[in-house]
Amino acid sequence: MIWMAIYPTINLIFYIFGDVLNTFVLPLRTLILTLILVPLMVYVLLPLAGRILKGWLHS
């Protein structure tokens, strides 16, 4: 379930902000990406995926 949410999100972030992110060194790029992704995953995408897949997860 996590990969179903994180893979498209990472691709979307790189598609939107890729040119800007590539101007930073790798550790700073990683920091920026995780500062965006972790809260988005924990508070938005994983709860949403849990609600959408509730019937399948609990069967």
Protein backbone atom coordinates (compact mmCIF):
# COMPACT_ATOMS: atom_id res chain seq x y z
CA MET A 1 0.00 0.00 0.00
CA ILE A 2 2.85 2.39 0.78
CA TRP A 3 4.44 1.89 -2.62
CA MET A 4 1.12 2.53 -4.34
CA ALA A 5 1.09 5.98 -2.74
CA ILE A 6 4.76 6.94 -2.64
CA TYR A 7 5.91 5.98 -6.15
CA PRO A 8 3.46 8.20 -8.07
CA THR A 9 3.96 10.98 -5.53
CA ILE A 10 7.74 10.96 -5.96
CA ASN A 11 7.33 10.98 -9.73
CA LEU A 12 4.89 13.87 -9.55
CA ILE A 13 7.19 15.91 -7.30
CA PHE A 14 10.15 15.31 -9.62
CA TYR A 15 8.00 16.17 -12.64
CA ILE A 16 6.86 19.45 -11.09
CA PHE A 17 9.98 20.49 -9.17
CA GLY A 18 12.69 18.45 -10.93
CA ASP A 19 14.49 21.37 -12.57
CA VAL A 20 14.61 23.29 -9.30
CA LEU A 21 15.63 20.25 -7.24
CA ASN A 22 18.47 19.40 -9.63
CA THR A 23 20.16 22.70 -8.83
CA PHE A 24 20.79 21.53 -5.23
CA VAL A 25 23.39 19.06 -4.03
CA LEU A 26 22.11 15.54 -3.36
CA PRO A 27 21.86 15.78 0.47
CA LEU A 28 19.84 19.00 0.21
CA ARG A 29 17.63 17.50 -2.52
CA THR A 30 16.97 14.52 -0.29
CA LEU A 31 16.14 16.76 2.67
CA ILE A 32 13.69 18.83 0.63
CA LEU A 33 12.05 15.74 -0.84
CA THR A 34 11.60 14.08 2.55
CA LEU A 35 10.30 17.30 4.11
CA ILE A 36 7.55 17.25 1.50
CA LEU A 37 6.89 13.51 1.26
CA VAL A 38 6.83 12.33 4.87
CA PRO A 39 4.04 14.62 6.12
CA LEU A 40 2.12 14.18 2.87
CA MET A 41 2.32 10.39 3.18
CA VAL A 42 1.54 10.21 6.91
CA TYR A 43 -1.30 12.71 7.08
CA VAL A 44 -2.89 12.57 3.62
CA LEU A 45 -2.02 9.72 1.29
CA LEU A 46 -1.79 6.71 3.61
CA PRO A 47 -5.04 7.49 5.46
CA LEU A 48 -6.73 8.03 2.09
CA ALA A 49 -5.36 4.75 0.72
CA GLY A 50 -6.49 3.00 3.91
CA ARG A 51 -10.04 4.25 3.44
CA ILE A 52 -10.09 3.35 -0.24
CA LEU A 53 -8.69 -0.15 0.33
CA LYS A 54 -10.50 -0.82 3.64
CA GLY A 55 -12.66 -3.63 2.29
CA TRP A 56 -9.70 -5.40 0.73
CA LEU A 57 -7.40 -4.90 3.73
CA HIS A 58 -9.89 -6.27 6.24
CA SER A 59 -11.08 -9.28 4.26
